[in-house]
Amino acid sequence: MYQVMSRGIDIYGIEVLPVKSIRELPQELTERLELPEEALLGAAKLTVTGGKRALVENHRGVLEYGQERIVVSAGRGKLCISGSGLGIEAMNRNELLICGRIQCVEWE
C-alpha cells in the first residue's frame, strides 16, 4: 500500500513528493517535468527582437498605452515596455506586437 516518509509518500515502492496545495499543482508540474511555464500555465512570454519589436504572447490586455510606455497585463503581474515611438502594430486575443525603439522592459 503506502506509507508516509520524511520527505514524501511511498506508493508501491515509489517515493512521491506531496503537493502543498491543489493551486500549486500546475506550477509544481512545470518544474518537475521541466516544461516552459507558458505551455502549462498560460504564462506570458516576451520576445524582443533587435530592440525594435516586442511580441507578447498570452497577454491579458493593454492597461496603459502611450508612445513612451505601454503596460500589458501578464496574468500574474504587469509587463512595462518603455522607449520612444512605441505603437501597437498588431493585436489579437493571445498575441500583441509592439514596435518602436524599446529601451527598457520591466515585470511588475
C-alpha atoms as a PDB file:
ATOM      1  CA  MET A   1       0.000   0.000   0.000  1.00  0.00           C
ATOM      2  CA  TYR A   2       1.506   3.325   1.059  1.00  0.00           C
ATOM      3  CA  GLN A   3       3.386   4.840   3.980  1.00  0.00           C
ATOM      4  CA  VAL A   4       4.329   8.404   4.810  1.00  0.00           C
ATOM      5  CA  MET A   5       8.069   9.066   4.673  1.00  0.00           C
ATOM      6  CA  SER A   6      10.025  12.041   5.954  1.00  0.00           C
ATOM      7  CA  ARG A   7      10.156  13.834   2.573  1.00  0.00           C
ATOM      8  CA  GLY A   8       7.354  12.248   0.628  1.00  0.00           C
ATOM      9  CA  ILE A   9       4.909   9.393   0.342  1.00  0.00           C
ATOM     10  CA  ASP A  10       5.971   5.865  -0.642  1.00  0.00           C
ATOM     11  CA  ILE A  11       3.388   4.381  -3.006  1.00  0.00           C
ATOM     12  CA  TYR A  12       4.165   0.815  -4.085  1.00  0.00           C
ATOM     13  CA  GLY A  13       7.898   1.389  -3.633  1.00  0.00           C
ATOM     14  CA  ILE A  14       7.972   4.723  -5.462  1.00  0.00           C
ATOM     15  CA  GLU A  15       8.558   7.857  -3.415  1.00  0.00           C
ATOM     16  CA  VAL A  16       6.168  10.635  -4.407  1.00  0.00           C
ATOM     17  CA  LEU A  17       6.575  14.152  -3.053  1.00  0.00           C
ATOM     18  CA  PRO A  18       3.313  15.674  -1.847  1.00  0.00           C
ATOM     19  CA  VAL A  19       1.919  18.810  -3.454  1.00  0.00           C
ATOM     20  CA  LYS A  20       1.418  21.621  -0.946  1.00  0.00           C
ATOM     21  CA  SER A  21      -1.866  22.782  -2.438  1.00  0.00           C
ATOM     22  CA  ILE A  22      -4.010  21.964  -5.455  1.00  0.00           C
ATOM     23  CA  ARG A  23      -3.468  25.545  -6.667  1.00  0.00           C
ATOM     24  CA  GLU A  24       0.277  24.910  -6.761  1.00  0.00           C
ATOM     25  CA  LEU A  25      -0.104  21.731  -8.841  1.00  0.00           C
ATOM     26  CA  PRO A  26       0.369  23.315 -12.313  1.00  0.00           C
ATOM     27  CA  GLN A  27       3.475  25.205 -11.116  1.00  0.00           C
ATOM     28  CA  GLU A  28       4.819  22.042  -9.455  1.00  0.00           C
ATOM     29  CA  LEU A  29       4.263  20.058 -12.676  1.00  0.00           C
ATOM     30  CA  THR A  30       6.074  22.585 -14.854  1.00  0.00           C
ATOM     31  CA  GLU A  31       9.073  22.475 -12.507  1.00  0.00           C
ATOM     32  CA  ARG A  32       9.181  18.683 -12.142  1.00  0.00           C
ATOM     33  CA  LEU A  33       8.652  17.989 -15.845  1.00  0.00           C
ATOM     34  CA  GLU A  34      10.936  20.873 -16.839  1.00  0.00           C
ATOM     35  CA  LEU A  35       8.283  22.377 -19.115  1.00  0.00           C
ATOM     36  CA  PRO A  36       8.121  26.064 -20.019  1.00  0.00           C
ATOM     37  CA  GLU A  37       5.537  27.899 -17.894  1.00  0.00           C
ATOM     38  CA  GLU A  38       3.693  29.256 -20.923  1.00  0.00           C
ATOM     39  CA  ALA A  39       2.956  25.695 -22.086  1.00  0.00           C
ATOM     40  CA  LEU A  40       1.026  24.592 -18.997  1.00  0.00           C
ATOM     41  CA  LEU A  41       0.206  27.741 -17.055  1.00  0.00           C
ATOM     42  CA  GLY A  42      -0.572  30.134 -19.881  1.00  0.00           C
ATOM     43  CA  ALA A  43       2.135  32.453 -18.543  1.00  0.00           C
ATOM     44  CA  ALA A  44       3.069  35.472 -20.623  1.00  0.00           C
ATOM     45  CA  LYS A  45       6.026  35.075 -22.948  1.00  0.00           C
ATOM     46  CA  LEU A  46       8.005  38.053 -24.239  1.00  0.00           C
ATOM     47  CA  THR A  47      10.273  38.014 -27.291  1.00  0.00           C
ATOM     48  CA  VAL A  48      12.202  41.199 -28.099  1.00  0.00           C
ATOM     49  CA  THR A  49      13.904  41.402 -31.486  1.00  0.00           C
ATOM     50  CA  GLY A  50      16.635  43.947 -32.181  1.00  0.00           C
ATOM     51  CA  GLY A  51      15.277  46.425 -29.648  1.00  0.00           C
ATOM     52  CA  LYS A  52      12.597  47.372 -32.177  1.00  0.00           C
ATOM     53  CA  ARG A  53       9.869  44.728 -31.866  1.00  0.00           C
ATOM     54  CA  ALA A  54       8.326  43.047 -28.830  1.00  0.00           C
ATOM     55  CA  LEU A  55       5.961  40.104 -29.164  1.00  0.00           C
ATOM     56  CA  VAL A  56       3.904  39.383 -26.039  1.00  0.00           C
ATOM     57  CA  GLU A  57       2.165  36.002 -26.069  1.00  0.00           C
ATOM     58  CA  ASN A  58      -0.611  35.014 -23.639  1.00  0.00           C
ATOM     59  CA  HIS A  59      -1.316  38.637 -22.668  1.00  0.00           C
ATOM     60  CA  ARG A  60      -4.429  39.634 -20.717  1.00  0.00           C
ATOM     61  CA  GLY A  61      -4.947  43.066 -22.271  1.00  0.00           C
ATOM     62  CA  VAL A  62      -3.405  46.531 -22.528  1.00  0.00           C
ATOM     63  CA  LEU A  63      -3.527  48.559 -19.287  1.00  0.00           C
ATOM     64  CA  GLU A  64      -1.678  51.695 -20.405  1.00  0.00           C
ATOM     65  CA  TYR A  65      -0.827  52.951 -23.870  1.00  0.00           C
ATOM     66  CA  GLY A  66       1.431  55.784 -24.980  1.00  0.00           C
ATOM     67  CA  GLN A  67       4.343  56.465 -27.341  1.00  0.00           C
ATOM     68  CA  GLU A  68       6.850  56.195 -24.478  1.00  0.00           C
ATOM     69  CA  ARG A  69       5.276  53.476 -22.315  1.00  0.00           C
ATOM     70  CA  ILE A  70       2.976  50.516 -22.870  1.00  0.00           C
ATOM     71  CA  VAL A  71       1.788  48.402 -19.925  1.00  0.00           C
ATOM     72  CA  VAL A  72       0.347  44.952 -20.600  1.00  0.00           C
ATOM     73  CA  SER A  73      -1.448  42.665 -18.153  1.00  0.00           C
ATOM     74  CA  ALA A  74       0.540  39.445 -17.946  1.00  0.00           C
ATOM     75  CA  GLY A  75      -1.649  37.316 -15.716  1.00  0.00           C
ATOM     76  CA  ARG A  76       0.451  37.269 -12.549  1.00  0.00           C
ATOM     77  CA  GLY A  77       1.642  40.832 -12.979  1.00  0.00           C
ATOM     78  CA  LYS A  78       2.287  43.613 -15.448  1.00  0.00           C
ATOM     79  CA  LEU A  79       4.780  43.958 -18.257  1.00  0.00           C
ATOM     80  CA  CYS A  80       6.011  47.540 -18.748  1.00  0.00           C
ATOM     81  CA  ILE A  81       7.717  48.388 -22.033  1.00  0.00           C
ATOM     82  CA  SER A  82       9.400  51.804 -22.226  1.00  0.00           C
ATOM     83  CA  GLY A  83      11.054  53.550 -25.132  1.00  0.00           C
ATOM     84  CA  SER A  84      10.234  56.035 -27.871  1.00  0.00           C
ATOM     85  CA  GLY A  85       7.877  55.919 -30.809  1.00  0.00           C
ATOM     86  CA  LEU A  86       6.119  52.868 -29.384  1.00  0.00           C
ATOM     87  CA  GLY A  87       2.959  51.625 -31.018  1.00  0.00           C
ATOM     88  CA  ILE A  88       0.832  48.523 -31.252  1.00  0.00           C
ATOM     89  CA  GLU A  89       1.420  47.031 -34.676  1.00  0.00           C
ATOM     90  CA  ALA A  90      -0.954  44.070 -34.284  1.00  0.00           C
ATOM     91  CA  MET A  91      -3.080  42.544 -31.544  1.00  0.00           C
ATOM     92  CA  ASN A  92      -5.353  39.575 -31.187  1.00  0.00           C
ATOM     93  CA  ARG A  93      -6.738  37.608 -28.257  1.00  0.00           C
ATOM     94  CA  ASN A  94      -3.416  35.889 -27.468  1.00  0.00           C
ATOM     95  CA  GLU A  95      -0.634  37.953 -29.045  1.00  0.00           C
ATOM     96  CA  LEU A  96       0.423  41.583 -29.034  1.00  0.00           C
ATOM     97  CA  LEU A  97       3.121  43.067 -31.286  1.00  0.00           C
ATOM     98  CA  ILE A  98       4.714  46.322 -30.151  1.00  0.00           C
ATOM     99  CA  CYS A  99       7.043  48.265 -32.462  1.00  0.00           C
ATOM    100  CA  GLY A 100       9.288  51.263 -31.836  1.00  0.00           C
ATOM    101  CA  ARG A 101      12.571  51.893 -30.032  1.00  0.00           C
ATOM    102  CA  ILE A 102      12.449  49.609 -26.967  1.00  0.00           C
ATOM    103  CA  GLN A 103      14.783  50.812 -24.225  1.00  0.00           C
ATOM    104  CA  CYS A 104      13.519  49.024 -21.112  1.00  0.00           C
ATOM    105  CA  VAL A 105      11.313  46.071 -20.194  1.00  0.00           C
ATOM    106  CA  GLU A 106      10.157  45.513 -16.597  1.00  0.00           C
ATOM    107  CA  TRP A 107       7.969  42.896 -14.933  1.00  0.00           C
ATOM    108  CA  GLU A 108       5.910  44.281 -12.045  1.00  0.00           C
END
